[in-house]
Amino acid sequence: MWSYSKAGVDIKKIRKIQDEIGVLVSKTHSGFEGKNWKIISGFGHYAGLIELDSKVIALHTDGVGTKIIIAQLMKKFDTLGIDCVAMNVNDIICVGAVPIGFLDYIALKKPDHYLVRELLKGLTKGAKESRVAIVGGETAILPDLLNDTEENTFDLVGSVFGMCDKKRLIMGNKIVEGDFIIGLESNGLHSNGYSLARKVLLRKFDLQNSSSFLDHSIGEELLKPTRIYVKPILDLLETELTSIHGLAHITGGSFSKLIQKTGKISYEEMYSTFNMGIGFCIVVSKSGVDKVAHVLDKHKLKYHKLGHVTKGHGSVFISVMGKKYLLSD
């Protein structure tokens, strides 16, 4: 039976490293404030937040991960930039911020005009869909560091900054018992869980293979770009702000039946590693559900009423095929 840890990604060890990072970086959050700015949130949320007068600057950095390996195997790179933009802007809108500027970092084994051009196709497409400007970046040539035998060895990372009024921040502190959770459908694996997905699928299937679970080949499904939720979420924040109590970007994977069946993976592991078809969640007041649904219908988004909030200590439970599973505690 496969697990994310067996595939090389140990979440417990990662969380321990993150805790250590948090202790160190928190030392930079005080003693440096200016007369009109201070740190609101510097670690552990969807974005770092800096208060500047009555405004809040939101910052976030993320990459594409091992989805790059699938692109290399498929020799198709024009959608990875969409993933890079999406993984950043989808996180920053979770705090209520409007994405404004984007920076990219492309590390190459050697100068490659074709590869950069293909990556920029996706970056610019994602930026346009997110209504965010690419205002700079860095291209590094690192032959000794990126010395893999794969010809198209590279890495792709991005950073985004945005702004919002302090009174319009969404921090989850308004979530109360009885709130509903609405889940917006994902567009595939998005950009997490690929280490496990690759280990499971590529041992048995070729990327050109199809399956009864899929509409396209496995390679095409794996490369589906991360869905960008900026327009509908910003529309909701503009029209139904008082009803929105929490926002969450759910990364991971969706065509889970094939992965679970092939890898003999438990439900707990699947729901902890992949998004299981849901790419974004909205926690909304009971009175605001219909209004939120109306906005989502306007944007022609597929969504589901996943559950509701009850009294507890932060545990997440899910019912699957008549059984109840604890996902986190």
Protein backbone atom coordinates (compact mmCIF):
# COMPACT_ATOMS: atom_id res chain seq x y z
CA MET A 1 0.00 0.00 0.00
CA TRP A 2 1.37 3.36 -1.07
CA SER A 3 1.53 6.54 1.01
CA TYR A 4 2.93 10.04 0.49
CA SER A 5 5.71 9.20 2.94
CA LYS A 6 6.65 6.04 1.01
CA ALA A 7 6.80 8.17 -2.15
CA GLY A 8 9.43 10.36 -0.49
CA VAL A 9 7.35 13.17 1.06
CA ASP A 10 7.02 12.78 4.84
CA ILE A 11 4.46 15.37 5.98
CA LYS A 12 5.35 14.95 9.67
CA LYS A 13 9.02 15.67 8.99
CA ILE A 14 8.08 18.63 6.79
CA ARG A 15 5.90 20.09 9.54
CA LYS A 16 8.76 19.73 12.01
CA ILE A 17 11.05 21.63 9.62
CA GLN A 18 8.36 24.27 9.16
CA ASP A 19 8.08 24.68 12.92
CA GLU A 20 11.83 25.26 13.14
CA ILE A 21 11.66 27.77 10.29
CA GLY A 22 8.80 29.54 12.06
CA VAL A 23 10.86 29.99 15.23
CA LEU A 24 13.75 31.50 13.27
CA VAL A 25 11.82 33.79 10.94
CA SER A 26 9.60 35.09 13.75
CA LYS A 27 12.71 36.80 15.13
CA THR A 28 12.57 39.14 12.12
CA HIS A 29 9.00 40.23 12.85
CA SER A 30 9.73 42.79 15.56
CA GLY A 31 12.19 45.61 16.04
CA PHE A 32 12.18 46.62 12.38
CA GLU A 33 8.80 48.30 12.08
CA GLY A 34 8.56 51.74 10.54
CA LYS A 35 6.38 54.58 11.73
CA ASN A 36 3.46 53.54 9.56
CA TRP A 37 3.91 49.80 9.04
CA LYS A 38 4.07 46.56 11.03
CA ILE A 39 3.85 42.79 10.57
CA ILE A 40 0.37 41.33 11.05
CA SER A 41 1.07 37.75 10.03
CA GLY A 42 4.51 36.54 9.08
CA PHE A 43 4.34 32.76 8.93
CA GLY A 44 1.91 29.87 8.75
CA HIS A 45 -0.97 31.47 6.87
CA TYR A 46 -1.77 31.66 3.16
CA ALA A 47 0.15 34.92 2.92
CA GLY A 48 2.51 37.10 4.89
CA LEU A 49 0.72 40.30 5.87
CA ILE A 50 2.21 43.75 6.43
CA GLU A 51 0.00 46.59 7.62
CA LEU A 52 0.80 49.88 5.87
CA ASP A 53 -1.38 52.74 7.12
CA SER A 54 -4.97 51.55 6.48
CA LYS A 55 -3.90 49.02 3.85
CA VAL A 56 -2.49 45.51 4.13
CA ILE A 57 0.19 44.15 1.78
CA ALA A 58 -0.02 40.39 1.22
CA LEU A 59 2.95 38.31 0.01
CA HIS A 60 3.28 34.67 -1.04
CA THR A 61 5.76 32.39 -2.84
CA ASP A 62 5.17 28.97 -4.39
CA GLY A 63 6.37 26.73 -7.20
CA VAL A 64 5.19 23.97 -9.50
CA GLY A 65 6.93 21.04 -7.82
CA THR A 66 7.46 17.66 -9.48
CA LYS A 67 4.73 18.35 -12.02
CA ILE A 68 7.77 19.56 -13.97
CA ILE A 69 8.86 15.93 -14.37
CA ILE A 70 5.59 15.08 -16.15
CA ALA A 71 6.11 18.07 -18.46
CA GLN A 72 9.61 16.81 -19.25
CA LEU A 73 8.31 13.33 -20.05
CA MET A 74 5.53 14.77 -22.21
CA LYS A 75 7.85 17.42 -23.71
CA LYS A 76 5.12 19.99 -23.13
CA PHE A 77 5.86 23.10 -21.09
CA ASP A 78 3.35 25.75 -22.13
CA THR A 79 0.91 25.25 -19.22
CA LEU A 80 3.33 25.08 -16.27
CA GLY A 81 3.37 28.87 -16.02
CA ILE A 82 -0.38 28.81 -15.39
CA ASP A 83 0.25 26.45 -12.48
CA CYS A 84 2.94 28.74 -11.09
CA VAL A 85 0.66 31.77 -11.17
CA ALA A 86 -2.33 29.83 -9.86
CA MET A 87 -0.50 28.34 -6.87
CA ASN A 88 0.34 31.89 -5.78
CA VAL A 89 -2.76 33.92 -6.57
CA ASN A 90 -5.14 31.22 -5.29
CA ASP A 91 -3.40 31.41 -1.91
CA ILE A 92 -3.29 35.18 -1.65
CA ILE A 93 -7.01 35.62 -2.28
CA CYS A 94 -7.67 33.39 0.75
CA VAL A 95 -6.89 36.34 3.02
CA GLY A 96 -9.07 38.69 0.98
CA ALA A 97 -6.20 40.35 -0.92
CA VAL A 98 -6.34 41.41 -4.55
CA PRO A 99 -3.28 40.15 -6.53
CA ILE A 100 -1.41 43.09 -8.05
CA GLY A 101 2.11 42.08 -9.05
CA PHE A 102 3.91 38.83 -9.83
CA LEU A 103 7.60 37.85 -10.00
CA ASP A 104 8.96 34.66 -11.53
CA TYR A 105 12.19 32.71 -11.05
CA ILE A 106 13.32 30.32 -13.78
CA ALA A 107 16.42 28.21 -13.14
CA LEU A 108 17.90 26.50 -16.23
CA LYS A 109 20.63 23.96 -16.86
CA LYS A 110 21.68 25.97 -19.91
CA PRO A 111 20.28 28.87 -22.00
CA ASP A 112 17.20 27.56 -23.77
CA HIS A 113 15.11 30.05 -25.75
CA TYR A 114 12.40 27.51 -26.59
CA LEU A 115 11.90 26.38 -22.99
CA VAL A 116 11.74 29.94 -21.64
CA ARG A 117 9.32 30.94 -24.38
CA GLU A 118 7.01 28.01 -23.57
CA LEU A 119 7.12 28.75 -19.83
CA LEU A 120 6.32 32.42 -20.48
CA LYS A 121 3.28 31.40 -22.54
CA GLY A 122 1.77 29.88 -19.42
CA LEU A 123 2.95 32.62 -17.09
CA THR A 124 1.40 35.37 -19.21
CA LYS A 125 -1.82 33.41 -19.73
CA GLY A 126 -2.17 32.80 -16.00
CA ALA A 127 -1.36 36.42 -15.23
CA LYS A 128 -4.02 37.70 -17.63
CA GLU A 129 -6.64 35.38 -16.17
CA SER A 130 -5.69 36.54 -12.66
CA ARG A 131 -5.52 40.20 -13.68
CA VAL A 132 -2.04 40.42 -12.16
CA ALA A 133 0.97 42.10 -13.78
CA ILE A 134 4.31 40.28 -14.15
CA VAL A 135 6.59 43.09 -12.99
CA GLY A 136 9.93 41.30 -12.85
CA GLY A 137 11.78 38.08 -12.25
CA GLU A 138 15.06 36.22 -12.51
CA THR A 139 16.50 33.73 -14.99
CA ALA A 140 19.45 31.79 -13.60
CA ILE A 141 21.76 29.43 -15.52
CA LEU A 142 22.98 26.75 -13.10
CA PRO A 143 24.75 23.95 -15.03
CA ASP A 144 26.53 22.47 -12.02
CA LEU A 145 23.47 22.56 -9.77
CA LEU A 146 20.94 21.33 -12.33
CA ASN A 147 23.10 18.47 -13.61
CA ASP A 148 20.40 15.88 -14.18
CA THR A 149 20.68 13.78 -17.34
CA GLU A 150 17.30 15.15 -18.47
CA GLU A 151 17.97 17.72 -21.21
CA ASN A 152 15.17 20.07 -20.14
CA THR A 153 16.14 20.32 -16.48
CA PHE A 154 14.76 23.45 -14.83
CA ASP A 155 12.81 24.82 -11.90
CA LEU A 156 10.00 27.36 -11.84
CA VAL A 157 8.93 29.45 -8.85
CA GLY A 158 6.83 32.57 -8.47
CA SER A 159 5.96 35.25 -5.94
CA VAL A 160 2.90 37.44 -5.76
CA PHE A 161 1.99 40.54 -3.82
CA GLY A 162 -1.44 42.00 -3.30
CA MET A 163 -3.34 44.50 -1.20
CA CYS A 164 -6.61 44.93 0.67
CA ASP A 165 -8.15 47.16 3.31
CA LYS A 166 -7.43 45.94 6.83
CA LYS A 167 -11.15 45.76 7.63
CA ARG A 168 -11.67 43.41 4.65
CA LEU A 169 -9.12 40.77 5.71
CA ILE A 170 -10.33 37.16 5.80
CA MET A 171 -8.44 35.37 8.58
CA GLY A 172 -10.89 32.64 9.60
CA ASN A 173 -11.57 34.23 12.96
CA LYS A 174 -15.24 34.85 12.03
CA ILE A 175 -16.00 31.17 11.44
CA VAL A 176 -18.76 30.00 13.79
CA GLU A 177 -20.80 26.88 14.44
CA GLY A 178 -23.39 26.37 11.73
CA ASP A 179 -21.38 27.90 8.88
CA PHE A 180 -21.56 25.98 5.61
CA ILE A 181 -18.56 24.82 3.57
CA ILE A 182 -18.91 25.14 -0.20
CA GLY A 183 -16.32 23.40 -2.38
CA LEU A 184 -15.42 24.54 -5.88
CA GLU A 185 -14.39 21.76 -8.25
CA SER A 186 -10.73 21.39 -9.19
CA ASN A 187 -9.37 20.97 -12.70
CA GLY A 188 -7.30 17.88 -12.01
CA LEU A 189 -4.30 17.20 -9.82
CA HIS A 190 -3.40 20.91 -9.70
CA SER A 191 0.19 21.01 -8.38
CA ASN A 192 0.53 18.87 -5.26
CA GLY A 193 0.79 15.16 -4.59
CA TYR A 194 2.72 14.45 -7.78
CA SER A 195 5.47 12.48 -6.06
CA LEU A 196 2.88 9.93 -4.96
CA ALA A 197 0.84 10.09 -8.19
CA ARG A 198 3.94 9.47 -10.36
CA LYS A 199 5.21 6.59 -8.24
CA VAL A 200 1.82 4.88 -8.36
CA LEU A 201 0.75 5.52 -11.96
CA LEU A 202 4.01 5.36 -13.93
CA ARG A 203 4.87 1.93 -12.54
CA LYS A 204 1.83 0.50 -14.30
CA PHE A 205 0.83 2.93 -17.06
CA ASP A 206 2.45 4.81 -19.91
CA LEU A 207 1.69 8.53 -20.06
CA GLN A 208 -0.06 7.96 -23.39
CA ASN A 209 -2.40 5.37 -21.85
CA SER A 210 -5.99 6.19 -21.05
CA SER A 211 -8.37 4.69 -18.52
CA SER A 212 -12.07 4.27 -17.91
CA PHE A 213 -11.62 6.83 -15.13
CA LEU A 214 -10.24 9.50 -17.50
CA ASP A 215 -11.37 11.58 -20.46
CA HIS A 216 -7.81 12.04 -21.77
CA SER A 217 -4.47 10.24 -21.60
CA ILE A 218 -2.81 9.98 -18.20
CA GLY A 219 -0.13 12.46 -19.29
CA GLU A 220 -2.72 15.00 -20.44
CA GLU A 221 -4.68 14.63 -17.20
CA LEU A 222 -1.53 15.09 -15.11
CA LEU A 223 -0.65 18.27 -16.99
CA LYS A 224 -4.05 19.95 -16.69
CA PRO A 225 -3.22 23.42 -15.34
CA THR A 226 -4.27 24.46 -11.87
CA ARG A 227 -7.61 26.24 -11.95
CA ILE A 228 -7.45 29.95 -11.11
CA TYR A 229 -10.21 31.10 -8.76
CA VAL A 230 -9.36 34.81 -8.60
CA LYS A 231 -12.29 36.31 -10.55
CA PRO A 232 -15.14 34.51 -8.76
CA ILE A 233 -13.63 34.89 -5.30
CA LEU A 234 -12.93 38.60 -5.74
CA ASP A 235 -16.47 39.00 -7.03
CA LEU A 236 -17.75 37.31 -3.87
CA LEU A 237 -15.59 39.52 -1.66
CA GLU A 238 -16.93 42.58 -3.44
CA THR A 239 -20.60 41.65 -3.24
CA GLU A 240 -21.00 39.21 -0.33
CA LEU A 241 -18.12 40.06 2.04
CA THR A 242 -20.18 39.86 5.23
CA SER A 243 -21.25 36.29 4.38
CA ILE A 244 -17.70 35.02 3.78
CA HIS A 245 -16.10 33.75 7.00
CA GLY A 246 -13.21 31.75 5.58
CA LEU A 247 -11.44 30.84 2.34
CA ALA A 248 -9.11 27.91 1.62
CA HIS A 249 -7.11 26.91 -1.45
CA ILE A 250 -7.13 23.11 -1.62
CA THR A 251 -4.18 21.79 -3.62
CA GLY A 252 -3.56 18.17 -4.53
CA GLY A 253 -5.25 15.84 -6.98
CA SER A 254 -8.61 14.88 -8.38
CA PHE A 255 -8.66 11.78 -10.62
CA SER A 256 -8.25 9.88 -7.40
CA LYS A 257 -10.06 6.63 -8.21
CA LEU A 258 -7.29 5.41 -10.53
CA ILE A 259 -4.51 6.48 -8.13
CA GLN A 260 -6.22 4.93 -5.11
CA LYS A 261 -7.03 1.67 -6.88
CA THR A 262 -3.58 1.27 -8.46
CA GLY A 263 -1.65 2.19 -5.31
CA LYS A 264 -4.02 0.51 -2.82
CA ILE A 265 -4.08 3.76 -0.88
CA SER A 266 -6.29 4.30 2.17
CA TYR A 267 -9.04 6.92 2.23
CA GLU A 268 -7.25 8.81 5.01
CA GLU A 269 -4.08 9.01 2.91
CA MET A 270 -5.99 10.02 -0.22
CA TYR A 271 -7.88 12.85 1.44
CA SER A 272 -4.75 14.04 3.26
CA THR A 273 -2.62 14.11 0.09
CA PHE A 274 -4.98 15.00 -2.78
CA ASN A 275 -7.77 17.52 -3.21
CA MET A 276 -10.20 14.76 -4.24
CA GLY A 277 -11.86 16.93 -6.85
CA ILE A 278 -12.22 20.11 -4.78
CA GLY A 279 -9.82 22.97 -5.47
CA PHE A 280 -11.15 25.76 -3.28
CA CYS A 281 -13.42 26.02 -0.24
CA ILE A 282 -15.62 28.86 0.98
CA VAL A 283 -16.86 28.96 4.56
CA VAL A 284 -20.08 30.95 4.44
CA SER A 285 -22.77 31.94 6.92
CA LYS A 286 -25.98 29.95 6.78
CA SER A 287 -27.90 33.04 5.67
CA GLY A 288 -25.45 33.74 2.85
CA VAL A 289 -25.37 30.32 1.14
CA ASP A 290 -27.93 31.14 -1.54
CA LYS A 291 -26.31 34.51 -2.33
CA VAL A 292 -22.88 32.90 -2.69
CA ALA A 293 -24.33 30.14 -4.87
CA HIS A 294 -25.87 32.79 -7.14
CA VAL A 295 -22.45 34.42 -7.71
CA LEU A 296 -20.82 31.04 -8.40
CA ASP A 297 -23.58 30.21 -10.88
CA LYS A 298 -22.90 33.51 -12.63
CA HIS A 299 -19.27 32.44 -13.12
CA LYS A 300 -20.44 29.00 -14.33
CA LEU A 301 -18.47 27.20 -11.63
CA LYS A 302 -19.30 23.70 -10.48
CA TYR A 303 -19.52 23.50 -6.70
CA HIS A 304 -20.80 21.29 -3.89
CA LYS A 305 -22.10 21.88 -0.36
CA LEU A 306 -19.50 19.77 1.42
CA GLY A 307 -20.46 20.10 5.05
CA HIS A 308 -20.76 22.43 7.99
CA VAL A 309 -18.89 23.69 11.02
CA THR A 310 -19.57 22.15 14.45
CA LYS A 311 -18.10 22.73 17.90
CA GLY A 312 -14.76 21.01 18.35
CA HIS A 313 -10.99 21.44 18.47
CA GLY A 314 -10.08 21.82 14.81
CA SER A 315 -10.58 18.19 13.77
CA VAL A 316 -11.81 17.47 10.25
CA PHE A 317 -14.06 14.49 9.59
CA ILE A 318 -15.39 13.18 6.31
CA SER A 319 -17.94 10.50 5.53
CA VAL A 320 -17.16 8.16 2.63
CA MET A 321 -19.33 5.23 1.65
CA GLY A 322 -21.02 5.18 5.05
CA LYS A 323 -17.80 5.35 7.07
CA LYS A 324 -16.44 8.34 9.00
CA TYR A 325 -12.75 9.23 8.73
CA LEU A 326 -10.62 11.64 10.78
CA LEU A 327 -8.43 13.61 8.37
CA SER A 328 -6.64 15.99 10.73
CA ASP A 329 -6.50 16.83 14.38
